[in-house]
PDB file of all heavy atoms in Angstrom:
ATOM      1  N   LEU A   1       0.848  -1.147  -0.018  1.00  0.00           N
ATOM      2  CA  LEU A   1       0.052   0.019  -0.044  1.00  0.00           C
ATOM      3  C   LEU A   1       0.853   1.224  -0.034  1.00  0.00           C
ATOM      4  O   LEU A   1       1.939   1.229   0.636  1.00  0.00           O
ATOM      5  CB  LEU A   1      -0.910   0.034   1.173  1.00  0.00           C
ATOM      6  CG  LEU A   1      -1.854  -1.105   1.350  1.00  0.00           C
ATOM      7  CD1 LEU A   1      -2.562  -1.097   2.737  1.00  0.00           C
ATOM      8  CD2 LEU A   1      -2.846  -1.087   0.297  1.00  0.00           C
ATOM      9  N   SER A   2       0.443   2.273  -0.758  1.00  0.00           N
ATOM     10  CA  SER A   2       1.233   3.513  -0.773  1.00  0.00           C
ATOM     11  C   SER A   2       1.021   4.329   0.588  1.00  0.00           C
ATOM     12  O   SER A   2       0.207   3.985   1.364  1.00  0.00           O
ATOM     13  CB  SER A   2       0.702   4.414  -1.866  1.00  0.00           C
ATOM     14  OG  SER A   2      -0.544   4.945  -1.520  1.00  0.00           O
ATOM     15  N   THR A   3       2.016   5.145   0.763  1.00  0.00           N
ATOM     16  CA  THR A   3       1.969   6.003   2.014  1.00  0.00           C
ATOM     17  C   THR A   3       0.746   6.880   1.883  1.00  0.00           C
ATOM     18  O   THR A   3       0.250   7.199   3.013  1.00  0.00           O
ATOM     19  CB  THR A   3       3.264   6.890   2.106  1.00  0.00           C
ATOM     20  OG1 THR A   3       3.447   7.682   0.970  1.00  0.00           O
ATOM     21  CG2 THR A   3       4.506   5.991   2.334  1.00  0.00           C
ATOM     22  N   ARG A   4       0.314   7.254   0.798  1.00  0.00           N
ATOM     23  CA  ARG A   4      -0.972   8.039   0.657  1.00  0.00           C
ATOM     24  C   ARG A   4      -2.104   7.264   1.223  1.00  0.00           C
ATOM     25  O   ARG A   4      -2.996   7.870   1.778  1.00  0.00           O
ATOM     26  CB  ARG A   4      -1.156   8.400  -0.859  1.00  0.00           C
ATOM     27  CG  ARG A   4      -2.431   9.155  -1.200  1.00  0.00           C
ATOM     28  CD  ARG A   4      -2.435  10.617  -0.621  1.00  0.00           C
ATOM     29  NE  ARG A   4      -3.720  11.147  -0.742  1.00  0.00           N
ATOM     30  CZ  ARG A   4      -4.490  11.667   0.188  1.00  0.00           C
ATOM     31  NH1 ARG A   4      -4.122  11.655   1.430  1.00  0.00           N
ATOM     32  NH2 ARG A   4      -5.635  12.162  -0.077  1.00  0.00           N
ATOM     33  N   THR A   5      -2.173   6.075   0.868  1.00  0.00           N
ATOM     34  CA  THR A   5      -3.314   5.169   1.360  1.00  0.00           C
ATOM     35  C   THR A   5      -3.256   5.082   2.937  1.00  0.00           C
ATOM     36  O   THR A   5      -4.316   5.248   3.493  1.00  0.00           O
ATOM     37  CB  THR A   5      -3.274   3.740   0.690  1.00  0.00           C
ATOM     38  OG1 THR A   5      -3.380   3.788  -0.602  1.00  0.00           O
ATOM     39  CG2 THR A   5      -4.327   2.844   1.255  1.00  0.00           C
ATOM     40  N   ILE A   6      -2.124   4.919   3.422  1.00  0.00           N
ATOM     41  CA  ILE A   6      -1.913   4.907   4.943  1.00  0.00           C
ATOM     42  C   ILE A   6      -2.352   6.262   5.563  1.00  0.00           C
ATOM     43  O   ILE A   6      -2.932   6.391   6.460  1.00  0.00           O
ATOM     44  CB  ILE A   6      -0.528   4.405   5.258  1.00  0.00           C
ATOM     45  CG1 ILE A   6      -0.264   3.027   4.775  1.00  0.00           C
ATOM     46  CG2 ILE A   6      -0.364   4.473   6.846  1.00  0.00           C
ATOM     47  CD1 ILE A   6      -1.241   1.992   5.202  1.00  0.00           C
ATOM     48  N   ALA A   7      -1.885   7.309   4.879  1.00  0.00           N
ATOM     49  CA  ALA A   7      -2.251   8.611   5.238  1.00  0.00           C
ATOM     50  C   ALA A   7      -3.890   8.950   5.319  1.00  0.00           C
ATOM     51  O   ALA A   7      -4.317   9.603   6.169  1.00  0.00           O
ATOM     52  CB  ALA A   7      -1.646   9.682   4.436  1.00  0.00           C
ATOM     53  N   LYS A   8      -4.504   8.364   4.216  1.00  0.00           N
ATOM     54  CA  LYS A   8      -5.947   8.461   4.227  1.00  0.00           C
ATOM     55  C   LYS A   8      -6.577   7.898   5.443  1.00  0.00           C
ATOM     56  O   LYS A   8      -7.453   8.466   6.011  1.00  0.00           O
ATOM     57  CB  LYS A   8      -6.485   7.812   3.029  1.00  0.00           C
ATOM     58  CG  LYS A   8      -6.306   8.523   1.741  1.00  0.00           C
ATOM     59  CD  LYS A   8      -6.993   7.857   0.584  1.00  0.00           C
ATOM     60  CE  LYS A   8      -6.961   8.623  -0.751  1.00  0.00           C
ATOM     61  NZ  LYS A   8      -7.689   7.928  -1.686  1.00  0.00           N
ATOM     62  N   ILE A   9      -6.017   6.792   5.918  1.00  0.00           N
ATOM     63  CA  ILE A   9      -6.569   6.192   7.134  1.00  0.00           C
ATOM     64  C   ILE A   9      -6.503   7.167   8.292  1.00  0.00           C
ATOM     65  O   ILE A   9      -7.472   7.359   9.044  1.00  0.00           O
ATOM     66  CB  ILE A   9      -5.882   4.773   7.427  1.00  0.00           C
ATOM     67  CG1 ILE A   9      -6.178   3.865   6.324  1.00  0.00           C
ATOM     68  CG2 ILE A   9      -6.303   4.257   8.919  1.00  0.00           C
ATOM     69  CD1 ILE A   9      -5.319   2.559   6.352  1.00  0.00           C
ATOM     70  N   GLY A  10      -5.310   7.636   8.507  1.00  0.00           N
ATOM     71  CA  GLY A  10      -5.036   8.672   9.590  1.00  0.00           C
ATOM     72  C   GLY A  10      -5.959   9.882   9.490  1.00  0.00           C
ATOM     73  O   GLY A  10      -6.330  10.543  10.518  1.00  0.00           O
ATOM     74  N   LYS A  11      -6.280  10.326   8.285  1.00  0.00           N
ATOM     75  CA  LYS A  11      -7.023  11.523   8.081  1.00  0.00           C
ATOM     76  C   LYS A  11      -8.610  11.229   8.061  1.00  0.00           C
ATOM     77  O   LYS A  11      -9.370  12.166   7.822  1.00  0.00           O
ATOM     78  CB  LYS A  11      -6.725  12.237   6.750  1.00  0.00           C
ATOM     79  CG  LYS A  11      -5.277  12.697   6.826  1.00  0.00           C
ATOM     80  CD  LYS A  11      -4.947  13.389   5.455  1.00  0.00           C
ATOM     81  CE  LYS A  11      -3.492  13.985   5.468  1.00  0.00           C
ATOM     82  NZ  LYS A  11      -3.117  14.611   4.185  1.00  0.00           N
ATOM     83  N   GLY A  12      -8.865  10.033   8.088  1.00  0.00           N
ATOM     84  CA  GLY A  12     -10.397   9.751   8.062  1.00  0.00           C
ATOM     85  C   GLY A  12     -10.984   9.871   6.674  1.00  0.00           C
ATOM     86  O   GLY A  12     -12.197  10.155   6.536  1.00  0.00           O
ATOM     87  N   GLU A  13     -10.202   9.673   5.601  1.00  0.00           N
ATOM     88  CA  GLU A  13     -10.604   9.728   4.234  1.00  0.00           C
ATOM     89  C   GLU A  13     -10.892   8.377   3.705  1.00  0.00           C
ATOM     90  O   GLU A  13     -10.464   7.379   4.194  1.00  0.00           O
ATOM     91  CB  GLU A  13      -9.564  10.462   3.357  1.00  0.00           C
ATOM     92  CG  GLU A  13      -9.216  11.842   3.684  1.00  0.00           C
ATOM     93  CD  GLU A  13      -8.027  12.367   2.863  1.00  0.00           C
ATOM     94  OE1 GLU A  13      -7.608  11.683   1.876  1.00  0.00           O
ATOM     95  OE2 GLU A  13      -7.481  13.570   3.201  1.00  0.00           O
ATOM     96  N   LYS A  14     -11.862   8.338   2.718  1.00  0.00           N
ATOM     97  CA  LYS A  14     -12.290   7.050   2.249  1.00  0.00           C
ATOM     98  C   LYS A  14     -11.222   6.328   1.504  1.00  0.00           C
ATOM     99  O   LYS A  14     -10.605   6.986   0.569  1.00  0.00           O
ATOM    100  CB  LYS A  14     -13.579   7.293   1.384  1.00  0.00           C
ATOM    101  CG  LYS A  14     -14.258   6.017   0.949  1.00  0.00           C
ATOM    102  CD  LYS A  14     -15.571   6.177   0.379  1.00  0.00           C
ATOM    103  CE  LYS A  14     -16.140   4.734   0.084  1.00  0.00           C
ATOM    104  NZ  LYS A  14     -17.499   4.764  -0.209  1.00  0.00           N
ATOM    105  N   LEU A  15     -11.068   5.014   1.734  1.00  0.00           N
ATOM    106  CA  LEU A  15     -10.187   4.263   0.920  1.00  0.00           C
ATOM    107  C   LEU A  15     -10.914   3.626  -0.290  1.00  0.00           C
ATOM    108  O   LEU A  15     -12.122   3.487  -0.293  1.00  0.00           O
ATOM    109  CB  LEU A  15      -9.651   3.076   1.684  1.00  0.00           C
ATOM    110  CG  LEU A  15      -8.706   3.398   2.915  1.00  0.00           C
ATOM    111  CD1 LEU A  15      -8.355   2.066   3.714  1.00  0.00           C
ATOM    112  CD2 LEU A  15      -7.525   4.143   2.603  1.00  0.00           C
ATOM    113  N   SER A  16     -10.135   3.258  -1.237  1.00  0.00           N
ATOM    114  CA  SER A  16     -10.810   2.639  -2.490  1.00  0.00           C
ATOM    115  C   SER A  16     -11.283   1.208  -1.946  1.00  0.00           C
ATOM    116  O   SER A  16     -10.743   0.702  -1.069  1.00  0.00           O
ATOM    117  CB  SER A  16      -9.742   2.456  -3.636  1.00  0.00           C
ATOM    118  OG  SER A  16      -8.800   1.458  -3.216  1.00  0.00           O
ATOM    119  N   ASN A  17     -12.269   0.769  -2.590  1.00  0.00           N
ATOM    120  CA  ASN A  17     -12.810  -0.549  -2.282  1.00  0.00           C
ATOM    121  C   ASN A  17     -11.757  -1.576  -2.441  1.00  0.00           C
ATOM    122  O   ASN A  17     -11.629  -2.526  -1.631  1.00  0.00           O
ATOM    123  CB  ASN A  17     -14.014  -0.912  -3.190  1.00  0.00           C
ATOM    124  CG  ASN A  17     -15.253  -0.173  -2.747  1.00  0.00           C
ATOM    125  OD1 ASN A  17     -15.427   0.304  -1.576  1.00  0.00           O
ATOM    126  ND2 ASN A  17     -16.181  -0.014  -3.660  1.00  0.00           N
ATOM    127  N   ARG A  18     -10.929  -1.494  -3.439  1.00  0.00           N
ATOM    128  CA  ARG A  18      -9.890  -2.391  -3.729  1.00  0.00           C
ATOM    129  C   ARG A  18      -8.764  -2.508  -2.458  1.00  0.00           C
ATOM    130  O   ARG A  18      -8.538  -3.605  -2.067  1.00  0.00           O
ATOM    131  CB  ARG A  18      -9.071  -2.097  -4.985  1.00  0.00           C
ATOM    132  CG  ARG A  18      -8.243  -3.197  -5.376  1.00  0.00           C
ATOM    133  CD  ARG A  18      -7.465  -2.833  -6.618  1.00  0.00           C
ATOM    134  NE  ARG A  18      -6.037  -2.705  -6.334  1.00  0.00           N
ATOM    135  CZ  ARG A  18      -5.202  -1.822  -6.781  1.00  0.00           C
ATOM    136  NH1 ARG A  18      -5.544  -1.037  -7.691  1.00  0.00           N
ATOM    137  NH2 ARG A  18      -3.871  -1.853  -6.349  1.00  0.00           N
ATOM    138  N   SER A  19      -8.479  -1.379  -1.971  1.00  0.00           N
ATOM    139  CA  SER A  19      -7.567  -1.330  -0.882  1.00  0.00           C
ATOM    140  C   SER A  19      -8.243  -1.891   0.444  1.00  0.00           C
ATOM    141  O   SER A  19      -7.607  -2.647   1.177  1.00  0.00           O
ATOM    142  CB  SER A  19      -7.125   0.180  -0.641  1.00  0.00           C
ATOM    143  OG  SER A  19      -6.317   0.596  -1.582  1.00  0.00           O
ATOM    144  N   LEU A  20      -9.426  -1.525   0.654  1.00  0.00           N
ATOM    145  CA  LEU A  20     -10.176  -1.990   1.828  1.00  0.00           C
ATOM    146  C   LEU A  20     -10.388  -3.481   1.797  1.00  0.00           C
ATOM    147  O   LEU A  20     -10.127  -4.171   2.843  1.00  0.00           O
ATOM    148  CB  LEU A  20     -11.581  -1.332   1.919  1.00  0.00           C
ATOM    149  CG  LEU A  20     -12.346  -1.433   3.238  1.00  0.00           C
ATOM    150  CD1 LEU A  20     -11.510  -0.924   4.352  1.00  0.00           C
ATOM    151  CD2 LEU A  20     -13.697  -0.837   3.129  1.00  0.00           C
ATOM    152  N   ILE A  21     -10.698  -3.993   0.628  1.00  0.00           N
ATOM    153  CA  ILE A  21     -10.818  -5.513   0.456  1.00  0.00           C
ATOM    154  C   ILE A  21      -9.545  -6.173   0.776  1.00  0.00           C
ATOM    155  O   ILE A  21      -9.465  -7.251   1.363  1.00  0.00           O
ATOM    156  CB  ILE A  21     -11.433  -5.857  -0.859  1.00  0.00           C
ATOM    157  CG1 ILE A  21     -12.993  -5.471  -0.897  1.00  0.00           C
ATOM    158  CG2 ILE A  21     -11.351  -7.416  -1.083  1.00  0.00           C
ATOM    159  CD1 ILE A  21     -13.615  -5.444  -2.216  1.00  0.00           C
ATOM    160  N   LYS A  22      -8.490  -5.612   0.228  1.00  0.00           N
ATOM    161  CA  LYS A  22      -7.144  -6.175   0.357  1.00  0.00           C
ATOM    162  C   LYS A  22      -6.756  -6.215   1.837  1.00  0.00           C
ATOM    163  O   LYS A  22      -6.282  -7.235   2.256  1.00  0.00           O
ATOM    164  CB  LYS A  22      -6.238  -5.275  -0.433  1.00  0.00           C
ATOM    165  CG  LYS A  22      -4.853  -5.858  -0.617  1.00  0.00           C
ATOM    166  CD  LYS A  22      -4.031  -4.954  -1.588  1.00  0.00           C
ATOM    167  CE  LYS A  22      -2.794  -5.570  -2.139  1.00  0.00           C
ATOM    168  NZ  LYS A  22      -2.029  -4.579  -2.985  1.00  0.00           N
ATOM    169  N   ILE A  23      -6.919  -5.136   2.553  1.00  0.00           N
ATOM    170  CA  ILE A  23      -6.680  -5.176   3.930  1.00  0.00           C
ATOM    171  C   ILE A  23      -7.501  -6.125   4.787  1.00  0.00           C
ATOM    172  O   ILE A  23      -6.993  -6.849   5.541  1.00  0.00           O
ATOM    173  CB  ILE A  23      -6.904  -3.703   4.506  1.00  0.00           C
ATOM    174  CG1 ILE A  23      -5.838  -2.739   3.884  1.00  0.00           C
ATOM    175  CG2 ILE A  23      -6.767  -3.640   6.025  1.00  0.00           C
ATOM    176  CD1 ILE A  23      -6.097  -1.256   4.205  1.00  0.00           C
ATOM    177  N   ALA A  24      -8.864  -6.175   4.375  1.00  0.00           N
ATOM    178  CA  ALA A  24      -9.785  -7.017   5.150  1.00  0.00           C
ATOM    179  C   ALA A  24      -9.345  -8.571   4.856  1.00  0.00           C
ATOM    180  O   ALA A  24      -9.353  -9.278   5.822  1.00  0.00           O
ATOM    181  CB  ALA A  24     -11.130  -6.861   4.587  1.00  0.00           C
ATOM    182  N   GLU A  25      -8.936  -8.903   3.693  1.00  0.00           N
ATOM    183  CA  GLU A  25      -8.482 -10.254   3.453  1.00  0.00           C
ATOM    184  C   GLU A  25      -7.202 -10.555   4.170  1.00  0.00           C
ATOM    185  O   GLU A  25      -7.079 -11.645   4.726  1.00  0.00           O
ATOM    186  CB  GLU A  25      -8.315 -10.522   1.914  1.00  0.00           C
ATOM    187  CG  GLU A  25      -9.662 -10.530   1.095  1.00  0.00           C
ATOM    188  CD  GLU A  25      -9.427 -10.666  -0.311  1.00  0.00           C
ATOM    189  OE1 GLU A  25      -8.334 -10.453  -0.795  1.00  0.00           O
ATOM    190  OE2 GLU A  25     -10.403 -10.779  -1.122  1.00  0.00           O
ATOM    191  N   TYR A  26      -6.360  -9.716   4.290  1.00  0.00           N
ATOM    192  CA  TYR A  26      -5.123  -9.890   4.909  1.00  0.00           C
ATOM    193  C   TYR A  26      -5.236 -10.041   6.458  1.00  0.00           C
ATOM    194  O   TYR A  26      -4.751 -10.890   7.069  1.00  0.00           O
ATOM    195  CB  TYR A  26      -4.170  -8.673   4.802  1.00  0.00           C
ATOM    196  CG  TYR A  26      -2.900  -8.730   5.521  1.00  0.00           C
ATOM    197  CD1 TYR A  26      -1.831  -9.565   4.995  1.00  0.00           C
ATOM    198  CD2 TYR A  26      -2.589  -7.982   6.543  1.00  0.00           C
ATOM    199  CE1 TYR A  26      -0.614  -9.594   5.694  1.00  0.00           C
ATOM    200  CE2 TYR A  26      -1.412  -7.989   7.348  1.00  0.00           C
ATOM    201  CZ  TYR A  26      -0.459  -8.838   6.832  1.00  0.00           C
ATOM    202  OH  TYR A  26       0.786  -8.931   7.564  1.00  0.00           O
ATOM    203  N   LEU A  27      -6.252  -9.277   7.073  1.00  0.00           N
ATOM    204  CA  LEU A  27      -6.589  -9.387   8.482  1.00  0.00           C
ATOM    205  C   LEU A  27      -7.574 -10.551   8.756  1.00  0.00           C
ATOM    206  O   LEU A  27      -7.871 -10.855   9.840  1.00  0.00           O
ATOM    207  CB  LEU A  27      -7.040  -8.054   8.954  1.00  0.00           C
ATOM    208  CG  LEU A  27      -6.135  -6.927   8.923  1.00  0.00           C
ATOM    209  CD1 LEU A  27      -6.738  -5.568   9.298  1.00  0.00           C
ATOM    210  CD2 LEU A  27      -4.858  -7.199   9.836  1.00  0.00           C
ATOM    211  N   GLY A  28      -8.207 -11.139   7.671  1.00  0.00           N
ATOM    212  CA  GLY A  28      -9.120 -12.073   7.890  1.00  0.00           C
ATOM    213  C   GLY A  28     -10.521 -11.685   8.504  1.00  0.00           C
ATOM    214  O   GLY A  28     -11.095 -12.345   9.319  1.00  0.00           O
ATOM    215  N   VAL A  29     -10.948 -10.489   8.153  1.00  0.00           N
ATOM    216  CA  VAL A  29     -12.240  -9.844   8.585  1.00  0.00           C
ATOM    217  C   VAL A  29     -12.961  -9.283   7.374  1.00  0.00           C
ATOM    218  O   VAL A  29     -12.493  -9.228   6.334  1.00  0.00           O
ATOM    219  CB  VAL A  29     -11.971  -8.749   9.625  1.00  0.00           C
ATOM    220  CG1 VAL A  29     -11.344  -9.335  10.868  1.00  0.00           C
ATOM    221  CG2 VAL A  29     -11.219  -7.592   9.027  1.00  0.00           C
ATOM    222  N   LYS A  30     -14.310  -9.052   7.605  1.00  0.00           N
ATOM    223  CA  LYS A  30     -14.998  -8.429   6.527  1.00  0.00           C
ATOM    224  C   LYS A  30     -14.741  -6.989   6.464  1.00  0.00           C
ATOM    225  O   LYS A  30     -14.426  -6.311   7.481  1.00  0.00           O
ATOM    226  CB  LYS A  30     -16.592  -8.625   6.922  1.00  0.00           C
ATOM    227  CG  LYS A  30     -16.932 -10.104   6.958  1.00  0.00           C
ATOM    228  CD  LYS A  30     -18.429 -10.122   7.298  1.00  0.00           C
ATOM    229  CE  LYS A  30     -18.905 -11.579   7.293  1.00  0.00           C
ATOM    230  NZ  LYS A  30     -20.295 -11.717   7.523  1.00  0.00           N
ATOM    231  N   PRO A  31     -14.795  -6.423   5.252  1.00  0.00           N
ATOM    232  CA  PRO A  31     -14.393  -5.011   5.017  1.00  0.00           C
ATOM    233  C   PRO A  31     -15.283  -4.046   5.915  1.00  0.00           C
ATOM    234  O   PRO A  31     -14.744  -3.033   6.357  1.00  0.00           O
ATOM    235  CB  PRO A  31     -14.643  -4.864   3.545  1.00  0.00           C
ATOM    236  CG  PRO A  31     -14.511  -6.238   2.917  1.00  0.00           C
ATOM    237  CD  PRO A  31     -14.965  -7.198   3.976  1.00  0.00           C
ATOM    238  N   GLU A  32     -16.543  -4.439   6.005  1.00  0.00           N
ATOM    239  CA  GLU A  32     -17.416  -3.473   6.710  1.00  0.00           C
ATOM    240  C   GLU A  32     -17.098  -3.266   8.207  1.00  0.00           C
ATOM    241  O   GLU A  32     -17.508  -2.352   8.849  1.00  0.00           O
ATOM    242  CB  GLU A  32     -18.925  -3.804   6.516  1.00  0.00           C
ATOM    243  CG  GLU A  32     -19.280  -5.237   6.855  1.00  0.00           C
ATOM    244  CD  GLU A  32     -19.198  -6.244   5.783  1.00  0.00           C
ATOM    245  OE1 GLU A  32     -18.508  -5.954   4.686  1.00  0.00           O
ATOM    246  OE2 GLU A  32     -19.699  -7.319   5.990  1.00  0.00           O
ATOM    247  N   LEU A  33     -16.333  -4.295   8.733  1.00  0.00           N
ATOM    248  CA  LEU A  33     -15.945  -4.129  10.111  1.00  0.00           C
ATOM    249  C   LEU A  33     -14.768  -3.248  10.325  1.00  0.00           C
ATOM    250  O   LEU A  33     -14.487  -2.840  11.433  1.00  0.00           O
ATOM    251  CB  LEU A  33     -15.596  -5.554  10.624  1.00  0.00           C
ATOM    252  CG  LEU A  33     -16.693  -6.626  10.684  1.00  0.00           C
ATOM    253  CD1 LEU A  33     -16.114  -7.962  11.177  1.00  0.00           C
ATOM    254  CD2 LEU A  33     -17.786  -6.139  11.601  1.00  0.00           C
ATOM    255  N   LEU A  34     -14.046  -2.880   9.268  1.00  0.00           N
ATOM    256  CA  LEU A  34     -12.829  -2.039   9.379  1.00  0.00           C
ATOM    257  C   LEU A  34     -13.197  -0.538   9.315  1.00  0.00           C
ATOM    258  O   LEU A  34     -12.412   0.239   9.982  1.00  0.00           O
ATOM    259  CB  LEU A  34     -11.932  -2.323   8.220  1.00  0.00           C
ATOM    260  CG  LEU A  34     -11.408  -3.691   8.126  1.00  0.00           C
ATOM    261  CD1 LEU A  34     -10.482  -3.908   6.950  1.00  0.00           C
ATOM    262  CD2 LEU A  34     -10.640  -4.147   9.437  1.00  0.00           C
ATOM    263  N   MET A  35     -14.185  -0.141   8.838  1.00  0.00           N
ATOM    264  CA  MET A  35     -14.554   1.266   8.769  1.00  0.00           C
ATOM    265  C   MET A  35     -15.974   1.531   8.930  1.00  0.00           C
ATOM    266  O   MET A  35     -16.815   0.683   8.670  1.00  0.00           O
ATOM    267  CB  MET A  35     -14.101   1.795   7.411  1.00  0.00           C
ATOM    268  CG  MET A  35     -14.796   1.237   6.267  1.00  0.00           C
ATOM    269  SD  MET A  35     -14.477   2.118   4.729  1.00  0.00           S
ATOM    270  CE  MET A  35     -15.864   3.120   4.634  1.00  0.00           C
TER     271      MET A  35
END
């Protein structure tokens, strides 16, 4: 993930669905539980 994507998390900006799904799969959770 880019530093910009990580910065978006810190700023409360919306991530792309692709990034959110990628993170959810890595953590083994549903995307809707992350945000």
